[in-house]
Amino acid sequence: AVEVPKDGIESFGAGARPPVAISINGHRWRSRIAVMNGKCLVGISAANRRESGIAEGDLVDVLIELDEEPRTLPEPTDLSEALRKNKGARAAFNRLPFGLKRKHIAAIEEAKSLDTRQRRIAKLVSELQQSSA
């Protein structure tokens, strides 16, 4: 993780955990500021270190910008159809944070069989429906 000066984060005027775009060596990704033990941090995953050509412990120049672009995900057609049939589940899904939406969509898309995919969609819709009740 890279520590970011707190006054720099405050200058964004977007709260304690603003969405940011991080660039290292020409590689750019989107994240949020994390706050741990009073420090503002940006995590750098192994994949982002690899793409940036850096190793853990390297001293690097990091460009951090406020990310004002909406965070959207392509929604699988079969998931959209299942959510269209259940307004409560759709409303609950729309309220989920971006990261949770991404996690659920990835689980559906990673299914190796159509049966598994359909089960995962049904389970998600059921959980969303229960959370909206």
Protein backbone atom coordinates (compact mmCIF):
# COMPACT_ATOMS: atom_id res chain seq x y z
CA ALA A 1 0.00 0.00 0.00
CA VAL A 2 1.01 3.59 -0.57
CA GLU A 3 0.34 6.17 2.12
CA VAL A 4 -1.32 9.32 0.81
CA PRO A 5 -1.12 12.63 2.69
CA LYS A 6 -4.43 13.27 4.43
CA ASP A 7 -4.50 16.92 3.33
CA GLY A 8 -4.20 15.75 -0.28
CA ILE A 9 -7.29 13.57 0.14
CA GLU A 10 -9.16 16.36 1.90
CA SER A 11 -8.36 18.69 -1.01
CA PHE A 12 -10.51 16.47 -3.25
CA GLY A 13 -13.54 17.50 -1.18
CA ALA A 14 -15.11 14.08 -1.66
CA GLY A 15 -15.07 12.61 1.84
CA ALA A 16 -12.64 10.36 3.69
CA ARG A 17 -12.76 7.48 1.18
CA PRO A 18 -13.09 9.10 -2.25
CA PRO A 19 -13.00 7.13 -5.49
CA VAL A 20 -9.63 7.66 -7.14
CA ALA A 21 -7.73 6.83 -10.30
CA ILE A 22 -4.17 5.68 -9.64
CA SER A 23 -1.39 5.73 -12.24
CA ILE A 24 2.07 4.18 -11.92
CA ASN A 25 4.43 3.89 -14.90
CA GLY A 26 1.56 4.45 -17.34
CA HIS A 27 -0.69 1.78 -15.83
CA ARG A 28 -3.98 3.20 -14.52
CA TRP A 29 -6.67 1.64 -12.35
CA ARG A 30 -9.60 2.74 -10.24
CA SER A 31 -9.96 2.26 -6.50
CA ARG A 32 -10.92 4.01 -3.28
CA ILE A 33 -8.81 5.50 -0.54
CA ALA A 34 -8.63 3.20 2.49
CA VAL A 35 -8.28 4.56 6.00
CA MET A 36 -6.39 2.38 8.50
CA ASN A 37 -5.00 3.49 11.86
CA GLY A 38 -5.62 7.10 10.89
CA LYS A 39 -3.59 6.81 7.67
CA CYS A 40 -4.94 7.25 4.14
CA LEU A 41 -3.77 4.41 1.91
CA VAL A 42 -4.06 3.18 -1.65
CA GLY A 43 -3.69 -0.56 -2.06
CA ILE A 44 -1.71 -1.96 -4.96
CA SER A 45 -2.66 -5.52 -5.85
CA ALA A 46 -0.17 -8.04 -7.21
CA ALA A 47 -1.83 -7.70 -10.62
CA ASN A 48 -1.46 -3.91 -10.58
CA ARG A 49 2.17 -4.18 -9.42
CA ARG A 50 2.84 -6.58 -12.30
CA GLU A 51 1.10 -4.31 -14.85
CA SER A 52 3.00 -1.28 -13.49
CA GLY A 53 6.33 -3.09 -13.60
CA ILE A 54 7.02 -2.57 -9.90
CA ALA A 55 7.77 -4.85 -6.97
CA GLU A 56 6.67 -4.65 -3.36
CA GLY A 57 8.94 -2.22 -1.52
CA ASP A 58 9.94 -0.20 -4.63
CA LEU A 59 9.96 3.59 -4.40
CA VAL A 60 7.60 4.82 -7.10
CA ASP A 61 5.98 7.99 -8.39
CA VAL A 62 2.22 7.67 -8.03
CA LEU A 63 -0.38 9.92 -9.62
CA ILE A 64 -3.67 9.91 -7.69
CA GLU A 65 -6.66 11.79 -9.08
CA LEU A 66 -10.25 12.08 -7.94
CA ASP A 67 -12.26 9.61 -10.05
CA GLU A 68 -15.49 11.32 -10.99
CA GLU A 69 -16.45 8.89 -13.76
CA PRO A 70 -19.49 6.76 -12.93
CA ARG A 71 -18.62 3.18 -12.09
CA THR A 72 -20.59 0.88 -14.31
CA LEU A 73 -20.45 -2.79 -15.13
CA PRO A 74 -21.87 -4.64 -18.08
CA GLU A 75 -24.68 -6.72 -16.61
CA PRO A 76 -25.11 -10.23 -18.03
CA THR A 77 -28.35 -10.50 -20.00
CA ASP A 78 -29.64 -13.46 -17.99
CA LEU A 79 -29.04 -11.62 -14.71
CA SER A 80 -30.78 -8.50 -16.06
CA GLU A 81 -33.76 -10.62 -17.09
CA ALA A 82 -33.99 -12.27 -13.66
CA LEU A 83 -33.79 -8.88 -11.93
CA ARG A 84 -36.38 -7.40 -14.31
CA LYS A 85 -38.85 -10.04 -13.10
CA ASN A 86 -38.29 -9.13 -9.45
CA LYS A 87 -38.50 -5.41 -8.65
CA GLY A 88 -37.40 -5.86 -5.02
CA ALA A 89 -34.28 -7.75 -6.06
CA ARG A 90 -33.56 -5.15 -8.77
CA ALA A 91 -33.83 -2.31 -6.27
CA ALA A 92 -31.57 -4.15 -3.80
CA PHE A 93 -29.01 -4.89 -6.55
CA ASN A 94 -29.00 -1.23 -7.61
CA ARG A 95 -28.18 -0.22 -4.02
CA LEU A 96 -25.15 -2.53 -3.78
CA PRO A 97 -21.71 -0.90 -3.79
CA PHE A 98 -19.77 -1.24 -7.04
CA GLY A 99 -17.36 -3.83 -5.59
CA LEU A 100 -20.16 -6.16 -4.47
CA LYS A 101 -21.86 -5.90 -7.85
CA ARG A 102 -18.55 -6.76 -9.50
CA LYS A 103 -18.10 -9.76 -7.18
CA HIS A 104 -21.59 -11.13 -7.91
CA ILE A 105 -21.26 -10.62 -11.67
CA ALA A 106 -17.83 -12.29 -11.69
CA ALA A 107 -19.22 -15.32 -9.83
CA ILE A 108 -21.97 -15.65 -12.44
CA GLU A 109 -19.62 -15.21 -15.39
CA GLU A 110 -17.06 -17.68 -13.98
CA ALA A 111 -19.61 -20.51 -13.82
CA LYS A 112 -18.37 -23.43 -15.90
CA SER A 113 -21.81 -24.79 -16.75
CA LEU A 114 -25.16 -23.25 -17.61
CA ASP A 115 -26.74 -25.04 -14.63
CA THR A 116 -24.22 -23.49 -12.24
CA ARG A 117 -24.75 -20.08 -13.79
CA GLN A 118 -28.53 -20.35 -13.41
CA ARG A 119 -28.19 -21.54 -9.80
CA ARG A 120 -25.94 -18.60 -8.96
CA ILE A 121 -28.37 -16.13 -10.52
CA ALA A 122 -31.32 -17.69 -8.66
CA LYS A 123 -29.40 -17.62 -5.37
CA LEU A 124 -28.41 -13.97 -5.85
CA VAL A 125 -31.96 -12.93 -6.73
CA SER A 126 -33.28 -14.78 -3.66
CA GLU A 127 -30.72 -13.13 -1.36
CA LEU A 128 -31.47 -9.71 -2.83
CA GLN A 129 -35.20 -10.25 -2.44
CA GLN A 130 -34.75 -11.21 1.23
CA SER A 131 -32.58 -8.15 1.86
CA SER A 132 -35.21 -5.84 0.37
CA ALA A 133 -38.06 -7.24 2.49
